[in-house]
């Protein structure tokens, strides 16, 4: 059975790195703005596309519109981690899983207890004043009537996430590339091999086994050494039970 082969691969591995993709969030009901139906709904509601709203330019020139969108469509989607993330944290205690890399902004692996998490796009918990650096909570932004301002400087807060068109933090990119380059097993959860996270990180992987767990089949699945086309949550919960 595939789950037994997965167990064997992970137990023999000396250094596993996990790429946690957006399908893990989607299984929880968190939808991204790049989904066609969601993008259409946003444009109908706000009169602008997500590509226009979720930008540093919109924050600078239309902060009220930006934060209306950010509060309703980004912060309000935040949820407690699913059992898949808790299983991932448990997996770290059983095998040599060194790093978890994700583009998600909800910090779900770390909140579930995972160690050594690289959040490539920052998190919603990193809001701060762009002038003095004072950090602010998610609740502070949600409770603001219009634009959340720094109590000291009076300027709109930086949400602490990488927005459309912005460069990803170079330190995070370097750290992720280094982690993947040292792995002998790369575990891809909830992403196909043409997804953004895989396109960015696979070029650095020169290890022995590429493992893919993703519910949707994809034409590039054959590149992986082991493919399990099932829900990530189901597979992860089954895996930690037999380890």
Protein backbone atom coordinates (compact mmCIF):
# COMPACT_ATOMS: atom_id res chain seq x y z
CA UNK A 1 0.00 0.00 0.00
CA UNK A 2 1.12 3.55 -0.71
CA UNK A 3 0.76 4.65 2.90
CA UNK A 4 3.20 1.93 3.96
CA UNK A 5 5.70 3.01 1.30
CA UNK A 6 5.32 6.59 2.50
CA UNK A 7 6.02 5.46 6.05
CA UNK A 8 9.14 3.61 4.88
CA UNK A 9 10.46 6.63 2.93
CA UNK A 10 9.98 9.01 5.83
CA UNK A 11 11.46 6.68 8.44
CA UNK A 12 14.61 6.15 6.36
CA UNK A 13 15.04 9.83 5.49
CA UNK A 14 17.84 11.81 7.06
CA UNK A 15 16.49 15.26 6.26
CA UNK A 16 12.90 15.89 5.17
CA UNK A 17 11.61 19.27 4.05
CA UNK A 18 7.88 19.87 3.57
CA UNK A 19 6.24 22.27 1.14
CA UNK A 20 2.76 23.02 2.48
CA UNK A 21 0.57 24.15 -0.42
CA UNK A 22 -2.70 26.04 -0.72
CA UNK A 23 -4.82 22.90 -1.02
CA UNK A 24 -4.27 22.35 2.71
CA UNK A 25 -5.96 25.69 3.34
CA UNK A 26 -8.65 25.02 0.75
CA UNK A 27 -9.58 21.80 2.54
CA UNK A 28 -10.33 24.04 5.53
CA UNK A 29 -12.56 26.33 3.46
CA UNK A 30 -10.02 29.12 3.02
CA UNK A 31 -10.30 30.45 -0.53
CA UNK A 32 -7.70 32.46 -2.39
CA UNK A 33 -8.33 35.48 -4.57
CA UNK A 34 -6.86 33.71 -7.61
CA UNK A 35 -9.84 31.34 -7.79
CA UNK A 36 -12.05 32.57 -10.63
CA UNK A 37 -15.35 32.47 -8.74
CA UNK A 38 -13.89 34.25 -5.72
CA UNK A 39 -12.20 36.89 -7.88
CA UNK A 40 -15.50 37.63 -9.65
CA UNK A 41 -17.31 37.92 -6.32
CA UNK A 42 -14.70 40.37 -5.02
CA UNK A 43 -14.90 42.55 -8.12
CA UNK A 44 -18.69 42.64 -7.83
CA UNK A 45 -18.47 43.64 -4.16
CA UNK A 46 -15.65 46.19 -4.22
CA UNK A 47 -15.69 47.46 -7.80
CA UNK A 48 -12.07 46.43 -8.26
CA UNK A 49 -10.25 43.17 -8.88
CA UNK A 50 -8.19 41.45 -6.18
CA UNK A 51 -5.10 42.25 -8.25
CA UNK A 52 -5.90 45.95 -7.79
CA UNK A 53 -7.00 45.80 -4.15
CA UNK A 54 -4.34 43.54 -2.65
CA UNK A 55 -1.40 45.79 -3.52
CA UNK A 56 0.94 48.23 -1.83
CA UNK A 57 -0.26 50.86 -4.30
CA UNK A 58 -3.86 50.48 -3.15
CA UNK A 59 -2.73 50.69 0.48
CA UNK A 60 -0.82 53.90 -0.29
CA UNK A 61 -3.48 55.62 -2.41
CA UNK A 62 -6.78 54.09 -1.18
CA UNK A 63 -6.10 52.82 2.35
CA UNK A 64 -9.80 52.68 3.31
CA UNK A 65 -10.61 50.49 0.31
CA UNK A 66 -7.54 48.32 0.94
CA UNK A 67 -8.40 47.70 4.58
CA UNK A 68 -12.08 47.11 3.82
CA UNK A 69 -10.98 44.33 1.48
CA UNK A 70 -8.21 43.07 3.77
CA UNK A 71 -10.47 42.84 6.84
CA UNK A 72 -13.40 41.18 5.06
CA UNK A 73 -11.65 38.92 2.58
CA UNK A 74 -8.32 38.10 4.23
CA UNK A 75 -8.52 38.40 8.01
CA UNK A 76 -12.06 37.04 8.29
CA UNK A 77 -10.96 33.81 6.60
CA UNK A 78 -8.54 33.01 9.41
CA UNK A 79 -9.35 29.72 11.15
CA UNK A 80 -7.81 27.39 13.66
CA UNK A 81 -5.41 24.86 12.07
CA UNK A 82 -6.98 21.68 10.74
CA UNK A 83 -5.99 18.24 11.97
CA UNK A 84 -3.64 17.99 8.95
CA UNK A 85 -1.41 20.66 10.49
CA UNK A 86 -1.49 19.01 13.91
CA UNK A 87 -0.54 15.74 12.22
CA UNK A 88 2.35 17.56 10.55
CA UNK A 89 3.54 18.77 13.94
CA UNK A 90 3.27 15.23 15.30
CA UNK A 91 5.19 13.93 12.29
CA UNK A 92 8.07 16.24 13.23
CA UNK A 93 8.45 14.37 16.51
CA UNK A 94 8.58 10.97 14.77
CA UNK A 95 10.82 11.50 11.71
CA UNK A 96 13.60 13.83 10.60
CA UNK A 97 11.35 16.61 9.31
CA UNK A 98 13.53 19.69 9.55
CA UNK A 99 11.62 22.51 7.84
CA UNK A 100 8.10 23.40 6.72
CA UNK A 101 7.85 26.00 3.94
CA UNK A 102 4.58 27.70 3.04
CA UNK A 103 3.17 30.65 1.12
CA UNK A 104 0.09 30.75 3.35
CA UNK A 105 -0.25 33.93 5.44
CA UNK A 106 -2.20 32.37 8.32
CA UNK A 107 0.80 30.78 10.07
CA UNK A 108 -1.12 27.51 10.38
CA UNK A 109 1.84 25.10 10.75
CA UNK A 110 3.39 27.08 13.59
CA UNK A 111 0.07 27.56 15.36
CA UNK A 112 -0.40 23.78 15.24
CA UNK A 113 2.96 23.27 16.94
CA UNK A 114 5.33 22.81 14.01
CA UNK A 115 8.92 23.93 14.45
CA UNK A 116 11.16 25.66 11.88
CA UNK A 117 8.44 27.18 9.69
CA UNK A 118 9.34 29.50 6.81
CA UNK A 119 6.42 31.78 5.91
CA UNK A 120 7.49 33.04 2.50
CA UNK A 121 4.73 35.65 2.33
CA UNK A 122 4.73 36.74 5.95
CA UNK A 123 1.68 36.34 8.17
CA UNK A 124 -1.40 38.30 9.18
CA UNK A 125 0.10 38.47 12.67
CA UNK A 126 3.01 40.67 11.58
CA UNK A 127 1.15 43.98 11.22
CA UNK A 128 3.30 46.93 12.21
CA UNK A 129 3.87 50.64 11.84
CA UNK A 130 6.04 51.29 8.76
CA UNK A 131 7.59 54.28 10.53
CA UNK A 132 8.41 53.21 14.09
CA UNK A 133 8.04 49.43 13.76
CA UNK A 134 5.51 49.07 16.59
CA UNK A 135 3.69 45.71 16.16
CA UNK A 136 -0.10 45.49 16.16
CA UNK A 137 -2.45 42.55 16.59
CA UNK A 138 -4.95 41.16 14.12
CA UNK A 139 -7.67 42.23 16.55
CA UNK A 140 -6.48 45.84 16.42
CA UNK A 141 -7.01 45.88 12.65
CA UNK A 142 -10.38 44.17 12.86
CA UNK A 143 -11.62 46.64 15.47
CA UNK A 144 -10.50 49.73 13.53
CA UNK A 145 -13.51 51.52 12.06
CA UNK A 146 -11.71 52.50 8.86
CA UNK A 147 -7.95 52.59 8.42
CA UNK A 148 -5.91 51.17 11.34
CA UNK A 149 -3.34 53.80 12.31
CA UNK A 150 -0.25 53.65 14.48
CA UNK A 151 -1.17 55.14 17.84
CA UNK A 152 2.17 56.93 17.99
CA UNK A 153 2.84 57.99 14.39
CA UNK A 154 -0.71 58.27 13.04
CA UNK A 155 0.14 56.51 9.77
CA UNK A 156 -1.64 53.49 8.20
CA UNK A 157 -0.24 50.16 9.35
CA UNK A 158 1.68 47.77 7.14
CA UNK A 159 -0.24 44.44 7.18
CA UNK A 160 2.97 42.39 7.33
CA UNK A 161 2.13 40.18 4.35
CA UNK A 162 3.54 40.09 0.82
CA UNK A 163 0.99 41.71 -1.48
CA UNK A 164 0.52 41.41 -5.23
CA UNK A 165 3.52 42.73 -7.13
CA UNK A 166 5.76 42.90 -4.07
CA UNK A 167 9.07 41.11 -3.81
CA UNK A 168 9.18 38.22 -1.36
CA UNK A 169 11.56 38.81 1.55
CA UNK A 170 15.02 37.86 0.30
CA UNK A 171 16.02 36.35 3.64
CA UNK A 172 13.03 33.98 3.51
CA UNK A 173 13.81 33.01 -0.10
CA UNK A 174 17.43 32.23 0.73
CA UNK A 175 16.49 30.29 3.85
CA UNK A 176 13.95 28.16 1.97
CA UNK A 177 16.31 27.46 -0.93
CA UNK A 178 19.04 26.40 1.49
CA UNK A 179 16.66 24.09 3.37
CA UNK A 180 15.41 22.39 0.19
CA UNK A 181 18.93 21.98 -1.19
CA UNK A 182 19.95 19.98 1.90
CA UNK A 183 16.93 17.66 1.94
CA UNK A 184 17.10 14.04 0.87
CA UNK A 185 13.27 13.82 0.87
CA UNK A 186 10.93 16.58 -0.25
CA UNK A 187 7.35 16.16 0.97
CA UNK A 188 4.84 18.21 -1.04
CA UNK A 189 1.44 18.56 0.60
CA UNK A 190 -1.56 20.12 -1.11
CA UNK A 191 0.09 21.43 -4.27
CA UNK A 192 0.78 20.19 -7.76
CA UNK A 193 4.31 20.32 -9.13
CA UNK A 194 3.51 23.32 -11.34
CA UNK A 195 2.18 25.38 -8.42
CA UNK A 196 3.97 28.55 -7.39
CA UNK A 197 5.60 27.05 -4.32
CA UNK A 198 6.89 24.03 -6.26
CA UNK A 199 8.05 26.12 -9.22
CA UNK A 200 10.08 28.25 -6.83
CA UNK A 201 11.56 25.47 -4.68
CA UNK A 202 11.94 22.31 -6.81
CA UNK A 203 14.92 23.76 -8.67
CA UNK A 204 16.93 23.51 -5.44
CA UNK A 205 16.03 19.89 -4.68
CA UNK A 206 18.67 17.29 -5.53
CA UNK A 207 17.70 14.64 -3.00
CA UNK A 208 16.58 11.03 -3.29
CA UNK A 209 12.78 11.05 -3.02
CA UNK A 210 10.06 13.47 -4.05
CA UNK A 211 6.74 12.65 -2.38
CA UNK A 212 3.47 14.28 -3.45
CA UNK A 213 0.19 14.19 -1.55
CA UNK A 214 -2.51 16.17 -3.33
CA UNK A 215 -6.18 15.35 -3.97
CA UNK A 216 -6.18 16.50 -7.61
CA UNK A 217 -4.30 14.57 -10.29
CA UNK A 218 -1.95 16.61 -12.45
CA UNK A 219 0.00 15.88 -15.63
CA UNK A 220 3.30 16.40 -13.79
CA UNK A 221 2.55 13.87 -11.05
CA UNK A 222 4.79 11.31 -12.77
CA UNK A 223 7.89 13.30 -11.76
CA UNK A 224 7.35 12.37 -8.11
CA UNK A 225 8.65 9.08 -6.70
CA UNK A 226 5.43 8.57 -4.76
CA UNK A 227 2.05 10.16 -5.52
CA UNK A 228 -1.03 9.89 -3.31
CA UNK A 229 -4.05 11.61 -4.84
CA UNK A 230 -6.17 11.87 -1.71
CA UNK A 231 -7.12 14.59 0.74
CA UNK A 232 -4.04 15.75 2.63
CA UNK A 233 -5.87 15.72 5.95
CA UNK A 234 -6.96 12.09 5.54
CA UNK A 235 -3.49 10.89 4.54
CA UNK A 236 -1.66 12.81 7.27
CA UNK A 237 -3.96 11.56 10.01
CA UNK A 238 -3.57 7.99 8.76
CA UNK A 239 0.20 8.39 8.53
CA UNK A 240 0.80 9.54 12.10
CA UNK A 241 -1.36 6.70 13.36
CA UNK A 242 0.93 4.04 11.85
CA UNK A 243 4.28 5.69 12.56
